[in-house]
Amino acid sequence: MSKPLYIGEFEVKLDDKGRVVLPAGLKKQLPKDAVGKLVVNRGFEKCLTLYTRKDWDDELRGLNSLNHFNKKHRMFIRQFSNGATEVQLDNSSRMLVPKKLCEYAEIKNEAIFYAYGNRIEIWSKHLYEDMMDVDADDFADLAEDVMGGAKGDGGDDE
């Protein structure tokens, strides 16, 4: 069975207790049985990643395949899973984002849920805007570097 593919960018506000409403447009993309079983964890580049419990379990299985006798592998496992927390939605579709994770991601009162492919990232609004503030020519260069050789582009590779 293939994983769901998510799409969208959703701006949200956190209340004084650190709760955020899961955007309706995102909630309806989640598998029905996953809505009450979510895990939030540290992501890369100071964002958080929201997983369904099933997807988180898949990540854990991948971590279990690493060599626990290798120091780098152990450090990665610890860093990757540090802060992982199962979150529940209340009757108002709010979830509590742990304070420790908000501090890591510099999330104060505004956040962005950024969904792409099988990933849902949660960013502080200011870090997200900084990351996405890319000049059009720089984006074209990035696209060429990343995708230029994809699917036999016919161009000359150096």
Protein backbone atom coordinates (compact mmCIF):
# COMPACT_ATOMS: atom_id res chain seq x y z
CA MET A 1 0.00 0.00 0.00
CA SER A 2 1.44 3.37 -0.98
CA LYS A 3 1.85 6.25 1.42
CA PRO A 4 -0.45 9.23 1.11
CA LEU A 5 0.94 12.25 -0.70
CA TYR A 6 0.27 15.59 0.94
CA ILE A 7 0.13 19.04 -0.57
CA GLY A 8 -0.26 22.54 0.77
CA GLU A 9 1.05 25.35 2.88
CA PHE A 10 -1.01 26.34 5.90
CA GLU A 11 -0.38 29.28 8.21
CA VAL A 12 -1.50 28.70 11.80
CA LYS A 13 -1.36 30.39 15.19
CA LEU A 14 -0.43 28.77 18.48
CA ASP A 15 -2.40 29.64 21.58
CA ASP A 16 -0.78 30.52 24.92
CA LYS A 17 -0.61 26.83 25.88
CA GLY A 18 1.25 25.83 22.69
CA ARG A 19 -1.78 24.28 21.02
CA VAL A 20 -2.33 24.59 17.30
CA VAL A 21 -5.35 23.66 15.20
CA LEU A 22 -4.51 21.06 12.58
CA PRO A 23 -5.57 22.83 9.36
CA ALA A 24 -8.76 21.36 7.90
CA GLY A 25 -7.22 21.21 4.43
CA LEU A 26 -4.44 19.04 5.80
CA LYS A 27 -6.59 16.98 8.13
CA LYS A 28 -8.77 15.80 5.25
CA GLN A 29 -5.65 14.55 3.42
CA LEU A 30 -4.65 12.29 6.31
CA PRO A 31 -5.83 8.68 6.33
CA LYS A 32 -9.00 8.47 8.44
CA ASP A 33 -7.46 6.07 10.95
CA ALA A 34 -4.38 8.31 11.39
CA VAL A 35 -5.98 11.51 12.66
CA GLY A 36 -5.87 10.51 16.33
CA LYS A 37 -2.47 8.84 16.05
CA LEU A 38 0.14 11.46 15.19
CA VAL A 39 3.77 11.88 16.19
CA VAL A 40 5.70 15.15 16.09
CA ASN A 41 9.47 15.18 16.10
CA ARG A 42 12.52 17.27 15.32
CA GLY A 43 13.17 17.64 11.63
CA PHE A 44 16.14 18.99 9.75
CA GLU A 45 16.94 22.70 9.30
CA LYS A 46 15.16 23.55 12.57
CA CYS A 47 11.67 22.46 11.57
CA LEU A 48 9.43 19.81 13.09
CA THR A 49 8.05 16.83 11.23
CA LEU A 50 4.54 15.49 11.76
CA TYR A 51 4.01 11.80 11.11
CA THR A 52 1.09 9.46 11.25
CA ARG A 53 1.83 6.79 13.85
CA LYS A 54 2.17 4.25 11.05
CA ASP A 55 4.76 6.38 9.23
CA TRP A 56 6.64 6.98 12.49
CA ASP A 57 6.73 3.22 13.11
CA ASP A 58 8.19 2.81 9.59
CA GLU A 59 10.90 5.36 10.50
CA LEU A 60 11.66 3.43 13.69
CA ARG A 61 11.97 0.20 11.73
CA GLY A 62 14.50 1.96 9.50
CA LEU A 63 16.44 3.14 12.55
CA ASN A 64 16.42 -0.41 13.92
CA SER A 65 18.21 -1.56 10.78
CA LEU A 66 21.21 0.65 11.63
CA ASN A 67 24.22 -0.88 13.35
CA HIS A 68 23.88 -0.20 17.09
CA PHE A 69 27.56 -1.10 17.53
CA ASN A 70 28.54 1.87 15.33
CA LYS A 71 28.94 5.12 17.30
CA LYS A 72 27.78 7.36 14.42
CA HIS A 73 24.67 5.25 13.96
CA ARG A 74 23.86 5.43 17.69
CA MET A 75 24.35 9.20 17.70
CA PHE A 76 22.08 9.58 14.67
CA ILE A 77 19.38 7.42 16.24
CA ARG A 78 19.50 9.48 19.44
CA GLN A 79 19.49 12.83 17.67
CA PHE A 80 16.78 11.82 15.22
CA SER A 81 14.38 10.47 17.81
CA ASN A 82 15.10 13.08 20.50
CA GLY A 83 11.81 14.72 21.41
CA ALA A 84 9.50 12.45 19.43
CA THR A 85 6.08 12.79 21.02
CA GLU A 86 2.73 11.22 20.26
CA VAL A 87 0.12 13.97 20.00
CA GLN A 88 -3.65 13.74 20.22
CA LEU A 89 -6.20 16.01 18.63
CA ASP A 90 -8.84 17.37 20.98
CA ASN A 91 -12.49 17.93 19.95
CA SER A 92 -11.48 21.23 18.33
CA SER A 93 -8.76 19.55 16.21
CA ARG A 94 -6.05 21.14 18.34
CA MET A 95 -2.82 19.42 19.22
CA LEU A 96 -0.31 20.41 21.84
CA VAL A 97 3.17 20.91 20.42
CA PRO A 98 5.68 20.16 23.20
CA LYS A 99 7.53 23.21 24.48
CA LYS A 100 10.92 21.55 23.95
CA LEU A 101 10.13 21.02 20.27
CA CYS A 102 8.80 24.57 19.85
CA GLU A 103 12.04 25.89 21.32
CA TYR A 104 14.12 23.73 18.94
CA ALA A 105 12.17 25.01 15.92
CA GLU A 106 11.95 28.61 17.20
CA ILE A 107 8.14 28.45 17.01
CA LYS A 108 6.50 31.09 19.15
CA ASN A 109 2.98 32.08 18.10
CA GLU A 110 2.90 31.60 14.33
CA ALA A 111 3.80 28.52 12.34
CA ILE A 112 3.56 27.09 8.86
CA PHE A 113 2.49 23.53 8.10
CA TYR A 114 4.27 22.70 4.86
CA ALA A 115 3.09 19.46 3.25
CA TYR A 116 4.83 17.87 0.30
CA GLY A 117 5.01 14.29 -0.87
CA ASN A 118 4.74 12.05 2.18
CA ARG A 119 6.11 14.73 4.55
CA ILE A 120 4.45 17.31 6.78
CA GLU A 121 6.85 19.86 8.21
CA ILE A 122 6.03 22.46 10.84
CA TRP A 123 8.12 25.63 10.64
CA SER A 124 8.29 28.83 12.60
CA LYS A 125 6.90 31.47 10.28
CA HIS A 126 10.13 33.49 10.24
CA LEU A 127 12.44 30.53 9.54
CA TYR A 128 10.11 29.27 6.81
CA GLU A 129 10.01 32.68 5.12
CA ASP A 130 13.81 32.96 5.34
CA MET A 131 14.26 29.50 3.84
CA MET A 132 11.81 30.12 1.00
CA ASP A 133 13.26 33.56 0.18
CA VAL A 134 15.24 32.37 -2.83
CA ASP A 135 15.98 34.48 -5.89
CA ALA A 136 14.36 33.13 -9.08
CA ASP A 137 17.75 32.67 -10.78
CA ASP A 138 19.12 30.86 -7.73
CA PHE A 139 16.07 28.56 -7.83
CA ALA A 140 16.69 27.89 -11.54
CA ASP A 141 20.33 27.01 -10.75
CA LEU A 142 19.20 24.74 -7.91
CA ALA A 143 16.69 23.02 -10.20
CA GLU A 144 19.40 22.43 -12.77
CA ASP A 145 21.80 21.04 -10.13
CA VAL A 146 19.20 18.75 -8.57
CA MET A 147 17.03 17.80 -11.54
CA GLY A 148 19.30 18.52 -14.54
CA GLY A 149 20.40 14.94 -14.96
CA ALA A 150 16.99 13.50 -14.20
CA LYS A 151 15.15 11.52 -16.88
CA GLY A 152 17.87 12.01 -19.52
CA ASP A 153 17.66 15.77 -20.03
CA GLY A 154 19.79 15.61 -23.16
CA GLY A 155 22.02 18.44 -21.95
CA ASP A 156 25.77 18.20 -21.69
CA ASP A 157 27.00 17.05 -18.34
CA GLU A 158 30.49 18.03 -17.32
